[in-house]
Protein backbone atom coordinates (compact mmCIF):
# COMPACT_ATOMS: atom_id res chain seq x y z
CA MET A 1 23.21 7.23 19.95
CA LYS A 2 20.15 6.05 22.42
CA ALA A 3 17.02 6.99 21.20
CA PHE A 4 12.93 6.62 22.26
CA LEU A 5 10.25 5.75 20.13
CA VAL A 6 7.17 7.79 22.16
CA LEU A 7 3.32 6.50 21.49
CA GLU A 8 0.52 8.49 21.51
CA ASN A 9 -0.54 6.82 24.89
CA GLY A 10 2.13 8.04 26.88
CA SER A 11 4.22 4.57 26.56
CA PHE A 12 7.58 4.66 25.26
CA PHE A 13 10.20 2.31 24.13
CA GLU A 14 14.24 2.48 24.12
CA GLY A 15 16.60 1.70 21.53
CA TYR A 16 19.57 3.15 19.54
CA MET A 17 19.50 5.24 16.17
CA PHE A 18 20.16 3.82 13.08
CA GLY A 19 19.88 5.82 9.59
CA ALA A 20 19.08 9.92 9.77
CA ASN A 21 20.22 11.74 12.89
CA ALA A 22 16.83 13.39 13.38
CA GLU A 23 13.61 13.04 14.81
CA THR A 24 10.35 11.80 12.97
CA LEU A 25 6.44 11.40 13.44
CA GLY A 26 4.06 9.47 12.06
CA GLU A 27 1.47 6.68 12.75
CA VAL A 28 3.14 3.48 14.20
CA VAL A 29 2.12 0.33 12.51
CA PHE A 30 3.65 -3.32 12.39
CA ALA A 31 4.32 -5.62 9.41
CA THR A 32 4.57 -9.28 9.93
CA GLY A 33 6.82 -9.97 6.68
CA MET A 34 9.75 -12.52 7.31
CA THR A 35 11.34 -11.36 4.15
CA GLY A 36 11.37 -8.47 1.57
CA TYR A 37 12.41 -5.39 3.81
CA GLN A 38 13.28 -3.43 1.25
CA GLU A 39 10.33 -3.93 -0.82
CA THR A 40 8.64 -2.79 2.50
CA LEU A 41 10.69 0.60 2.81
CA THR A 42 10.35 1.41 -0.79
CA ASP A 43 6.03 0.84 -0.94
CA PRO A 44 4.60 4.28 -1.31
CA SER A 45 1.54 2.85 0.81
CA TYR A 46 3.78 3.11 3.78
CA ALA A 47 4.08 7.06 3.67
CA GLY A 48 3.59 8.69 6.43
CA GLN A 49 3.78 5.67 8.86
CA ILE A 50 6.40 4.29 11.21
CA VAL A 51 7.07 0.89 10.42
CA VAL A 52 7.91 -1.85 13.15
CA GLN A 53 9.22 -5.04 11.47
CA THR A 54 7.98 -8.29 13.45
CA ALA A 55 10.89 -10.23 11.99
CA PRO A 56 13.65 -9.99 14.39
CA HIS A 57 16.84 -9.66 12.08
CA ILE A 58 16.93 -6.60 9.67
CA GLY A 59 19.60 -5.59 7.17
CA ASN A 60 21.28 -9.34 6.58
CA THR A 61 20.82 -8.72 2.77
CA GLY A 62 21.55 -5.38 2.62
CA MET A 63 20.28 -3.20 -0.23
CA ASN A 64 20.29 -3.10 -4.25
CA ASP A 65 18.54 -1.39 -7.12
CA GLU A 66 16.76 -4.33 -8.58
CA ASP A 67 14.37 -4.70 -5.34
CA MET A 68 13.37 -1.40 -5.33
CA GLU A 69 9.61 -0.73 -5.59
CA SER A 70 9.68 2.86 -6.39
CA ARG A 71 12.00 5.66 -6.76
CA LYS A 72 13.02 6.02 -2.85
CA ASN A 73 11.92 4.65 0.64
CA TRP A 74 8.91 6.20 1.83
CA VAL A 75 8.54 4.95 5.65
CA ALA A 76 8.06 7.79 8.06
CA GLY A 77 10.25 6.08 10.17
CA TYR A 78 11.55 2.38 10.97
CA VAL A 79 11.82 -0.05 14.09
CA VAL A 80 13.75 -2.95 14.33
CA ARG A 81 14.42 -5.62 17.12
CA GLU A 82 18.27 -6.27 15.65
CA TYR A 83 20.07 -4.21 12.97
CA THR A 84 22.57 -6.25 10.87
CA PRO A 85 25.28 -3.48 9.68
CA ILE A 86 27.31 -6.29 7.58
CA PRO A 87 25.08 -7.80 5.01
CA SER A 88 25.80 -11.07 3.68
CA ASN A 89 24.40 -11.30 0.06
CA PHE A 90 25.76 -11.27 -3.44
CA ARG A 91 23.10 -8.76 -4.61
CA SER A 92 24.10 -6.36 -2.25
CA THR A 93 25.63 -2.99 -3.31
CA ARG A 94 25.10 -1.09 0.16
CA THR A 95 24.01 -1.50 3.79
CA LEU A 96 20.33 -0.76 4.82
CA ALA A 97 22.08 2.21 7.13
CA GLU A 98 23.35 3.99 3.93
CA GLU A 99 20.05 3.77 2.30
CA LEU A 100 17.92 5.14 5.15
CA ILE A 101 20.69 8.15 5.58
CA LYS A 102 20.39 9.16 1.91
CA ASP A 103 16.58 9.39 1.91
CA GLY A 104 16.89 11.15 5.66
CA ILE A 105 14.66 8.51 7.11
CA VAL A 106 14.93 8.09 11.02
CA ALA A 107 15.17 4.52 12.50
CA ILE A 108 15.57 2.98 15.77
CA GLU A 109 16.99 -0.57 16.53
CA GLY A 110 17.23 -2.80 20.01
CA VAL A 111 13.62 -2.16 20.55
CA ASP A 112 11.49 -4.73 22.01
CA THR A 113 9.04 -5.42 18.74
CA ARG A 114 7.36 -8.01 20.60
CA ALA A 115 6.05 -6.05 23.21
CA LEU A 116 5.09 -3.11 20.67
CA THR A 117 3.51 -5.40 18.45
CA ILE A 118 1.31 -6.64 20.96
CA ALA A 119 0.79 -2.92 22.31
CA ILE A 120 -0.37 -1.74 18.89
CA ARG A 121 -2.51 -4.88 18.30
CA ASP A 122 -4.59 -4.28 21.56
CA ALA A 123 -4.83 -0.75 21.32
CA GLY A 124 -4.70 -0.08 17.38
CA ALA A 125 -2.36 1.84 15.40
CA MET A 126 -1.11 4.83 17.28
CA ARG A 127 0.49 8.07 16.24
CA GLY A 128 4.20 8.21 17.37
CA GLY A 129 7.77 9.66 17.18
CA ILE A 130 11.56 8.55 17.12
CA PHE A 131 13.56 11.15 18.93
CA PRO A 132 17.16 11.43 20.12
CA ALA A 133 17.72 10.39 23.43
CA ASP A 134 21.24 10.83 24.86
CA GLY A 135 21.39 11.60 28.23
CA LEU A 136 17.41 10.94 29.06
CA ASP A 137 16.04 8.19 31.24
CA GLU A 138 12.52 8.85 29.59
CA PRO A 139 10.80 11.05 26.94
CA SER A 140 10.37 14.74 27.64
CA LYS A 141 6.93 16.43 27.84
CA GLU A 142 7.92 18.30 24.42
CA MET A 143 8.11 14.59 22.88
CA LEU A 144 4.74 13.60 23.91
CA ASP A 145 3.34 16.90 22.87
CA LYS A 146 4.75 16.90 19.41
CA VAL A 147 3.30 13.13 19.06
CA SER A 148 -0.18 14.27 20.41
CA ASN A 149 -0.25 17.17 18.00
CA SER A 150 0.88 15.38 14.92
CA LEU A 151 -1.73 14.51 12.18
CA GLN A 152 -4.07 11.52 12.25
CA MET A 153 -4.15 9.17 9.47
CA LYS A 154 -7.73 9.32 9.22
CA GLY A 155 -9.01 12.01 6.80
CA LEU A 156 -5.50 12.36 5.37
CA SER A 157 -4.78 12.61 1.82
CA LEU A 158 -1.23 11.26 0.76
CA SER A 159 -1.54 10.49 -2.47
CA ASP A 160 -0.45 13.94 -4.36
CA GLN A 161 3.08 13.21 -2.02
CA VAL A 162 3.74 9.71 -3.80
CA THR A 163 2.63 10.19 -7.40
CA THR A 164 4.46 11.11 -10.22
CA GLU A 165 4.62 14.66 -11.34
CA SER A 166 3.72 14.26 -14.91
CA SER A 167 2.29 11.55 -17.16
CA TYR A 168 4.98 9.03 -18.55
CA THR A 169 4.33 5.85 -21.00
CA LEU A 170 5.64 2.61 -20.79
CA PRO A 171 5.89 0.29 -23.71
CA ALA A 172 4.73 -3.24 -23.57
CA MET A 173 7.00 -6.26 -22.90
CA GLY A 174 6.81 -7.76 -26.35
CA GLU A 175 3.66 -7.02 -28.71
CA SER A 176 1.38 -4.74 -27.30
CA PHE A 177 -2.69 -5.29 -27.91
CA ALA A 178 -3.93 -2.31 -25.87
CA ARG A 179 -3.45 1.02 -23.89
CA VAL A 180 -4.14 1.34 -20.00
CA ALA A 181 -4.12 4.18 -18.01
CA VAL A 182 -2.62 3.82 -14.76
CA LEU A 183 -3.72 6.17 -11.93
CA ASP A 184 -0.41 6.51 -9.87
CA LEU A 185 -1.85 6.95 -6.00
CA GLY A 186 1.49 5.32 -4.87
CA VAL A 187 2.02 2.44 -7.54
CA LYS A 188 5.00 0.08 -7.43
CA LYS A 189 7.37 -1.46 -10.14
CA ALA A 190 6.24 -4.96 -9.73
CA THR A 191 2.56 -3.95 -10.41
CA LEU A 192 3.99 -2.03 -13.60
CA ASP A 193 5.81 -4.96 -14.65
CA ASN A 194 2.87 -7.63 -14.47
CA LEU A 195 0.81 -5.32 -16.42
CA ARG A 196 3.59 -4.74 -19.22
CA GLN A 197 4.48 -8.38 -19.21
CA ARG A 198 0.89 -9.09 -20.50
CA GLY A 199 1.05 -6.92 -23.63
CA LEU A 200 -0.38 -3.75 -22.58
CA GLU A 201 1.02 -0.59 -23.03
CA LEU A 202 0.74 1.87 -19.73
CA VAL A 203 0.19 5.72 -19.42
CA VAL A 204 1.28 6.38 -15.67
CA MET A 205 -0.65 9.53 -14.75
CA PRO A 206 -0.68 11.74 -11.68
CA SER A 207 -3.15 11.15 -9.01
CA SER A 208 -4.88 14.42 -9.70
CA SER A 209 -5.85 13.48 -13.46
CA THR A 210 -9.24 14.11 -14.20
CA ALA A 211 -11.77 11.82 -15.86
CA GLY A 212 -11.28 14.45 -19.14
CA GLU A 213 -7.32 14.01 -19.03
CA ILE A 214 -7.87 9.94 -19.04
CA ARG A 215 -10.44 10.15 -21.84
CA ALA A 216 -7.99 12.10 -23.64
CA GLU A 217 -5.31 9.57 -23.67
CA ASN A 218 -7.35 7.15 -25.94
CA VAL A 219 -7.15 4.34 -23.46
CA ASP A 220 -8.79 0.75 -23.47
CA ALA A 221 -9.00 0.50 -19.77
CA LEU A 222 -8.05 2.04 -16.35
CA PHE A 223 -6.36 0.90 -13.22
CA TYR A 224 -6.26 2.62 -9.77
CA SER A 225 -2.99 1.59 -7.80
CA ASN A 226 -1.96 1.05 -4.13
CA GLY A 227 -1.26 4.27 -2.17
CA PRO A 228 -1.30 5.73 1.41
CA GLY A 229 -4.02 7.97 2.85
CA ASP A 230 -7.98 7.95 3.82
CA PRO A 231 -9.98 6.67 0.61
CA GLU A 232 -12.53 9.39 2.12
CA ALA A 233 -10.17 12.19 1.49
CA SER A 234 -10.05 11.15 -2.22
CA GLN A 235 -13.31 12.33 -3.54
CA ASP A 236 -11.73 13.65 -6.76
CA GLN A 237 -10.41 10.21 -7.98
CA VAL A 238 -13.73 8.68 -6.80
CA GLU A 239 -16.06 11.06 -9.37
CA ALA A 240 -13.24 10.62 -12.18
CA LEU A 241 -14.02 6.96 -11.80
CA GLN A 242 -17.44 7.34 -11.51
CA THR A 243 -17.62 9.13 -14.93
CA LEU A 244 -15.34 6.79 -16.42
CA LEU A 245 -17.39 3.68 -15.34
CA LYS A 246 -20.74 5.24 -16.93
CA GLU A 247 -19.09 5.55 -20.03
CA GLY A 248 -17.88 1.71 -20.23
CA LEU A 249 -14.39 1.77 -19.60
CA PRO A 250 -13.27 -1.49 -17.98
CA PHE A 251 -11.50 -0.79 -14.33
CA PHE A 252 -8.96 -2.65 -12.08
CA GLY A 253 -7.98 -1.81 -8.83
CA ILE A 254 -5.31 -2.56 -6.22
CA CYS A 255 -5.29 -2.03 -2.48
CA PHE A 256 -6.58 1.68 -2.44
CA GLY A 257 -7.99 1.30 -5.64
CA ASN A 258 -10.20 -1.55 -4.39
CA GLN A 259 -11.30 1.38 -1.52
CA LEU A 260 -11.99 3.82 -4.09
CA LEU A 261 -13.91 1.48 -6.35
CA GLY A 262 -16.09 0.60 -3.09
CA ARG A 263 -16.41 4.46 -2.46
CA ALA A 264 -17.32 4.77 -6.30
CA LEU A 265 -20.14 2.35 -6.18
CA GLY A 266 -21.50 4.12 -3.23
CA PHE A 267 -19.98 2.10 -0.17
CA GLU A 268 -18.49 3.40 3.03
CA THR A 269 -15.07 2.83 3.86
CA TYR A 270 -13.63 2.81 7.28
CA LYS A 271 -10.55 2.48 9.33
CA LEU A 272 -9.04 -0.72 10.45
CA GLN A 273 -7.81 -1.07 14.69
CA PHE A 274 -4.57 -2.07 13.56
CA GLY A 275 -4.67 -2.86 9.59
CA HIS A 276 -3.13 -5.71 7.65
CA ARG A 277 0.56 -5.73 6.74
CA GLY A 278 2.57 -8.65 5.99
CA ILE A 279 2.88 -11.13 2.85
CA ASN A 280 1.20 -13.88 4.92
CA GLN A 281 -2.42 -12.98 5.24
CA PRO A 282 -4.98 -15.56 4.00
CA VAL A 283 -8.00 -15.08 1.86
CA PHE A 284 -10.93 -16.83 0.52
CA ASN A 285 -12.18 -16.20 -2.57
CA SER A 286 -15.60 -17.42 -2.62
CA GLU A 287 -15.52 -17.84 -6.82
CA SER A 288 -12.90 -20.57 -6.81
CA GLY A 289 -13.35 -21.67 -3.04
CA ARG A 290 -9.75 -21.45 -3.00
CA VAL A 291 -7.68 -19.94 0.04
CA GLU A 292 -4.97 -17.64 -1.35
CA VAL A 293 -1.96 -16.70 0.80
CA THR A 294 -1.50 -12.82 0.21
CA ALA A 295 0.41 -9.67 0.69
CA HIS A 296 -1.17 -6.94 2.53
CA ASN A 297 -0.43 -3.21 3.13
CA HIS A 298 -3.91 -1.31 4.41
CA GLY A 299 -5.07 0.61 7.32
CA PHE A 300 -8.61 0.93 5.56
CA ALA A 301 -11.27 -1.30 4.16
CA VAL A 302 -14.84 -1.16 2.11
CA LYS A 303 -17.76 -1.62 4.69
CA LEU A 304 -19.93 -4.41 3.16
CA ASP A 305 -21.25 -7.05 5.61
CA GLN A 306 -23.35 -9.08 3.05
CA ASP A 307 -21.70 -11.07 0.33
CA LYS A 308 -24.00 -9.78 -2.58
CA ALA A 309 -25.27 -6.02 -2.69
CA ALA A 310 -26.77 -3.81 -5.27
CA SER A 311 -24.63 -0.40 -5.91
CA PRO A 312 -26.15 2.68 -4.09
CA ALA A 313 -24.45 4.55 -6.84
CA GLY A 314 -26.41 2.93 -9.63
CA PHE A 315 -23.82 0.56 -11.00
CA GLY A 316 -25.70 -2.68 -10.78
CA ASN A 317 -25.17 -5.74 -8.71
CA VAL A 318 -21.85 -6.23 -6.72
CA GLU A 319 -20.26 -9.30 -5.17
CA VAL A 320 -17.71 -9.55 -2.41
CA ARG A 321 -15.27 -12.18 -4.16
CA HIS A 322 -12.65 -11.76 -1.37
CA ARG A 323 -12.53 -11.73 2.57
CA SER A 324 -9.94 -12.07 4.96
CA LEU A 325 -9.95 -15.34 6.97
CA ASN A 326 -8.51 -13.49 10.03
CA ASP A 327 -11.16 -11.00 10.22
CA GLY A 328 -13.91 -11.18 7.67
CA VAL A 329 -12.48 -7.92 6.13
CA VAL A 330 -13.56 -7.27 2.78
CA GLU A 331 -10.58 -7.78 0.66
CA GLY A 332 -11.91 -7.94 -3.22
CA LEU A 333 -14.95 -6.55 -5.18
CA LYS A 334 -16.38 -7.57 -8.31
CA CYS A 335 -19.28 -5.58 -10.28
CA LEU A 336 -21.83 -8.48 -11.83
CA ASP A 337 -22.81 -5.74 -14.06
CA ILE A 338 -20.15 -3.69 -15.72
CA ASP A 339 -16.49 -4.03 -16.62
CA ALA A 340 -14.73 -3.65 -12.94
CA PHE A 341 -13.55 -5.49 -10.03
CA SER A 342 -10.75 -4.97 -7.54
CA VAL A 343 -8.89 -6.57 -4.65
CA GLN A 344 -7.54 -5.09 -1.19
CA TYR A 345 -4.22 -6.83 -1.33
CA HIS A 346 -1.25 -7.04 -3.55
CA PRO A 347 -1.42 -9.56 -6.36
CA GLU A 348 2.08 -8.58 -7.71
CA ALA A 349 3.51 -10.08 -4.40
CA ALA A 350 7.13 -8.35 -4.27
CA ALA A 351 7.89 -9.77 -1.97
CA GLY A 352 5.64 -12.32 -1.28
CA PRO A 353 3.31 -15.58 -2.39
CA HIS A 354 2.19 -15.60 -6.15
CA ASP A 355 -1.33 -17.06 -5.48
CA SER A 356 -3.16 -14.17 -7.06
CA HIS A 357 -1.28 -13.67 -10.11
CA TYR A 358 -4.36 -14.70 -12.12
CA LEU A 359 -5.90 -11.20 -11.46
CA PHE A 360 -3.66 -9.68 -13.91
CA ASP A 361 -4.98 -12.51 -16.67
CA GLU A 362 -8.31 -11.47 -15.71
CA PHE A 363 -7.92 -7.93 -16.35
CA ILE A 364 -6.55 -9.01 -19.85
CA GLU A 365 -9.21 -11.00 -20.41
CA MET A 366 -11.79 -8.13 -19.55
CA ILE A 367 -9.83 -5.80 -21.85
CA ARG A 368 -9.85 -7.91 -24.73
CA SER A 369 -13.52 -9.17 -24.40
CA ASN A 370 -14.47 -5.30 -24.58
CA LEU A 371 -12.52 -4.94 -27.32
CA ALA A 372 -14.03 -7.47 -29.58
CA LYS A 373 -17.52 -5.90 -28.53
CA LYS A 374 -16.59 -2.76 -29.61
CA LYS A 375 -15.31 -4.55 -33.18
């Protein structure tokens, strides 16, 4: 079936539908990963977004249960150059189209994704929609009106749509030495696995959990996960973090968790023009002097021009430990006077490089040191 991808600036791209036979709206963004489309689709951070894959062939390896990053596919829509309907991989148990239909996700193939990516890069991420278009030569006014009237990502809170409904506990893989609260803002399975493999028992909690509810779990540290939406719309999570930081609870945050730590420390966040999405982003670590190749999925960032600054919220000195080598965006914060740090990218890297796995080990050492002080 013929379909249109319509952008809010009035431009459109023709293609053919695969996946659910319906229409969808969302923020149109591009992801540059050459592999790992299943991990992209099942990453909760993509909720509310129509994802454009810059890799030309998608669907080659099918879908399987082992590579799911969460309980379902989260993208609002999917755009590819060429869909491969017959997968060729011994791990495949179903096709990509079957998976998208199951979760009601609208997808379009046959799109000139290079031209579309350039348009987004030049104009910035835009609202858009995928619509059935049989018998039409161009989009209708109704289609454009739906796109123009759709929600903006700025100011949008989405963590409540992707979080767990109730708390649950995951045992450590091997002997447990500490218990950690994980605030599920859209957490990925690979993140939980990396924490459990290092001897942590996890209590995964809904995004609405208060400081009191987290404290009641008798945890030794706190972790804020990745997730979708605007950090400015997550004041409750920021206030809970501020309370627990004042009480001395060690903290580690990833992606959305980095933005919320930034806001808890008193810094501002802002929306990037087209964001960072891919598994090949170079980041400089000023502490080690090394460049790390990292996996990203974020449209917002912490605003901090200098490399060291005092926390406006009274948490001491803060260092920008990581910056993007492409555009200088803050990619990691380290508090120098309290036990807290965060990174904007995804160190669990599924799919992607493993340059940043050491961050989980740093979290472990922080927890061990804090426990030793208490003794």
